[in-house]
Protein backbone atom coordinates (compact mmCIF):
# COMPACT_ATOMS: atom_id res chain seq x y z
CA MET A 1 106.70 36.31 9.32
CA THR A 2 104.05 36.61 11.79
CA LYS A 3 100.50 36.85 10.54
CA THR A 4 98.67 40.13 11.09
CA LEU A 5 96.33 39.83 14.33
CA PHE A 6 93.25 41.94 14.63
CA TYR A 7 91.35 41.99 18.04
CA ILE A 8 87.52 42.60 18.20
CA VAL A 9 86.16 43.45 21.52
CA ASN A 10 82.57 43.84 22.45
CA GLY A 11 81.14 45.52 25.53
CA PRO A 12 77.95 45.24 27.79
CA ASN A 13 74.76 43.65 26.34
CA LEU A 14 76.22 42.85 22.75
CA ASN A 15 75.82 39.00 23.87
CA LEU A 16 72.04 39.70 23.46
CA LEU A 17 72.25 40.91 19.97
CA GLY A 18 69.33 39.43 17.70
CA GLN A 19 67.10 39.58 21.11
CA ARG A 20 67.40 43.01 22.38
CA GLU A 21 65.84 45.93 20.41
CA PRO A 22 66.24 44.25 17.17
CA GLU A 23 64.63 47.35 15.64
CA ILE A 24 67.57 49.30 16.72
CA TYR A 25 70.47 46.60 16.79
CA GLY A 26 69.34 44.23 14.10
CA HIS A 27 68.45 40.53 14.18
CA GLU A 28 71.95 39.01 13.71
CA THR A 29 73.37 37.41 16.75
CA LEU A 30 77.02 38.21 17.96
CA ALA A 31 77.97 34.77 17.03
CA GLU A 32 76.72 35.44 13.30
CA ILE A 33 78.54 38.73 13.27
CA GLU A 34 81.78 37.10 14.56
CA GLN A 35 81.53 34.31 11.89
CA SER A 36 81.27 36.82 9.23
CA CYS A 37 84.26 38.54 10.49
CA ARG A 38 86.23 35.39 10.80
CA ASP A 39 85.30 34.64 6.99
CA TRP A 40 86.51 38.18 6.09
CA ALA A 41 89.83 37.72 7.96
CA LYS A 42 90.42 34.11 6.68
CA LYS A 43 90.28 35.45 2.98
CA ARG A 44 92.90 37.95 3.87
CA ASP A 45 95.22 35.60 6.07
CA ILE A 46 94.62 37.69 9.13
CA ALA A 47 94.25 36.07 12.45
CA LEU A 48 91.21 37.37 14.53
CA THR A 49 90.59 37.07 18.33
CA THR A 50 87.05 38.16 19.47
CA HIS A 51 85.83 39.03 23.07
CA GLN A 52 82.64 39.86 24.75
CA THR A 53 82.07 41.08 28.20
CA ASN A 54 79.65 42.83 30.28
CA SER A 55 82.39 43.94 32.88
CA GLU A 56 84.10 47.21 32.53
CA GLY A 57 87.40 45.94 34.12
CA THR A 58 87.56 42.92 31.92
CA LEU A 59 86.97 45.23 28.87
CA VAL A 60 90.02 47.17 30.12
CA ASP A 61 91.91 43.96 30.34
CA HIS A 62 91.14 43.11 26.68
CA ILE A 63 92.29 46.24 25.48
CA GLN A 64 95.51 46.13 27.49
CA ALA A 65 96.02 42.53 25.69
CA ALA A 66 95.27 44.14 22.37
CA ALA A 67 97.96 46.83 23.03
CA LYS A 68 100.44 44.05 23.45
CA ASP A 69 99.55 41.40 21.09
CA ALA A 70 97.25 42.95 18.34
CA ASP A 71 97.99 44.85 15.23
CA ALA A 72 94.77 46.68 15.26
CA LEU A 73 91.74 46.71 17.73
CA ILE A 74 88.06 47.18 16.84
CA ILE A 75 85.84 48.07 19.78
CA ASN A 76 82.23 48.22 20.18
CA PRO A 77 82.25 49.44 23.86
CA GLY A 78 78.31 49.53 24.29
CA ALA A 79 77.18 51.64 26.98
CA TYR A 80 80.77 52.14 28.41
CA THR A 81 81.19 54.49 25.30
CA HIS A 82 79.38 57.18 27.25
CA THR A 83 80.39 56.49 30.83
CA SER A 84 84.06 55.09 31.00
CA ILE A 85 87.07 57.27 31.54
CA ALA A 86 88.93 53.85 32.40
CA LEU A 87 87.97 52.60 28.75
CA HIS A 88 89.28 56.09 27.43
CA ASP A 89 92.49 55.85 29.27
CA ALA A 90 93.10 52.17 28.42
CA LEU A 91 92.47 53.08 24.66
CA ALA A 92 94.87 56.00 25.06
CA ALA A 93 97.63 53.68 26.07
CA CYS A 94 97.09 51.47 23.20
CA LYS A 95 99.34 52.11 20.33
CA PRO A 96 97.83 49.92 17.55
CA PRO A 97 95.29 51.52 15.26
CA LYS A 98 91.95 51.49 16.90
CA ILE A 99 88.45 51.66 15.35
CA GLU A 100 85.32 52.43 17.65
CA LEU A 101 82.27 50.64 16.19
CA HIS A 102 78.68 51.15 17.00
CA LEU A 103 75.69 49.24 15.24
CA SER A 104 73.28 52.21 15.57
CA ASN A 105 74.02 55.81 14.94
CA PRO A 106 74.40 57.13 18.65
CA HIS A 107 74.09 60.88 17.24
CA ALA A 108 70.42 59.90 16.03
CA ARG A 109 69.51 58.58 19.54
CA GLU A 110 69.17 60.00 23.08
CA PRO A 111 71.13 62.90 23.90
CA PHE A 112 73.13 60.89 26.66
CA ARG A 113 74.44 58.62 23.60
CA HIS A 114 75.98 61.64 21.87
CA ARG A 115 79.22 61.80 23.89
CA SER A 116 81.87 58.98 23.43
CA PHE A 117 84.86 58.98 25.92
CA ALA A 118 86.50 56.72 23.22
CA SER A 119 86.27 58.75 20.07
CA SER A 120 89.06 61.06 21.05
CA VAL A 121 91.71 58.29 21.19
CA VAL A 122 90.85 56.14 18.38
CA ASN A 123 91.77 56.41 14.87
CA GLY A 124 88.10 56.41 13.49
CA VAL A 125 84.61 55.67 14.37
CA ILE A 126 82.06 53.64 12.28
CA CYS A 127 78.42 54.00 13.48
CA GLY A 128 74.89 53.37 11.96
CA PHE A 129 75.66 50.43 9.60
CA GLY A 130 74.30 47.43 11.66
CA ALA A 131 76.04 44.26 11.74
CA HIS A 132 77.81 45.37 8.28
CA GLY A 133 79.72 48.02 10.35
CA TYR A 134 82.13 45.06 11.70
CA ILE A 135 83.16 44.58 8.06
CA LEU A 136 83.67 48.23 7.46
CA ALA A 137 85.67 48.26 10.80
CA LEU A 138 87.78 45.37 9.63
CA GLU A 139 88.44 46.97 6.25
CA ALA A 140 89.54 50.29 8.02
CA ALA A 141 91.89 48.32 10.40
CA TYR A 142 93.33 46.57 7.15
CA GLY A 143 93.84 49.81 5.56
CA LEU A 144 95.67 51.46 8.52
CA THR A 145 97.89 48.22 9.19
CA HIS A 146 98.93 47.88 5.59
CA GLY A 147 99.69 51.54 4.74
CA LEU A 148 96.55 51.95 2.62
CA THR A 149 94.86 54.72 4.93
CA SER A 150 96.30 57.55 6.74
CA ASP A 151 95.03 58.77 9.87
CA LEU A 152 94.89 62.52 9.79
CA THR A 153 93.20 62.86 13.15
CA LEU A 154 96.04 61.40 15.17
CA GLY A 155 98.61 63.03 12.83
CA ARG A 156 100.27 59.47 11.80
CA LYS A 157 100.36 57.32 8.80
CA SER A 158 100.26 53.59 9.23
């Protein structure tokens, strides 16, 4: 039996966590967040692959790899959330459960952040909980992959 595999994919500027606007994004670094996620996954015997890129094309490549290899995808698309149709299309083609994640609450910020090209093609969105949102996303992905959570929006049960 193969181990459950989750992908976490982070988009542009998330490599600057802890430095860039900590009043919005918090003081934890991406490395610290990823370690918390690895600790969570290890306790549940889940394999975890993490990626961060500032490149839209590489982000699409990671989504396509998750489509082939992963049991679930957690994605923080950063600013590409609001601009990338390519991201939308890659996510639409990715069949495993997908969770969109944001550290801040985009709906409480500038109007241009209120639209997400990803939201319509993912199972759920977690936003506004800071670094803890990654753990919430892992728990949601776990529920979807282990039959504990139904996805009513996309009309399927995992």
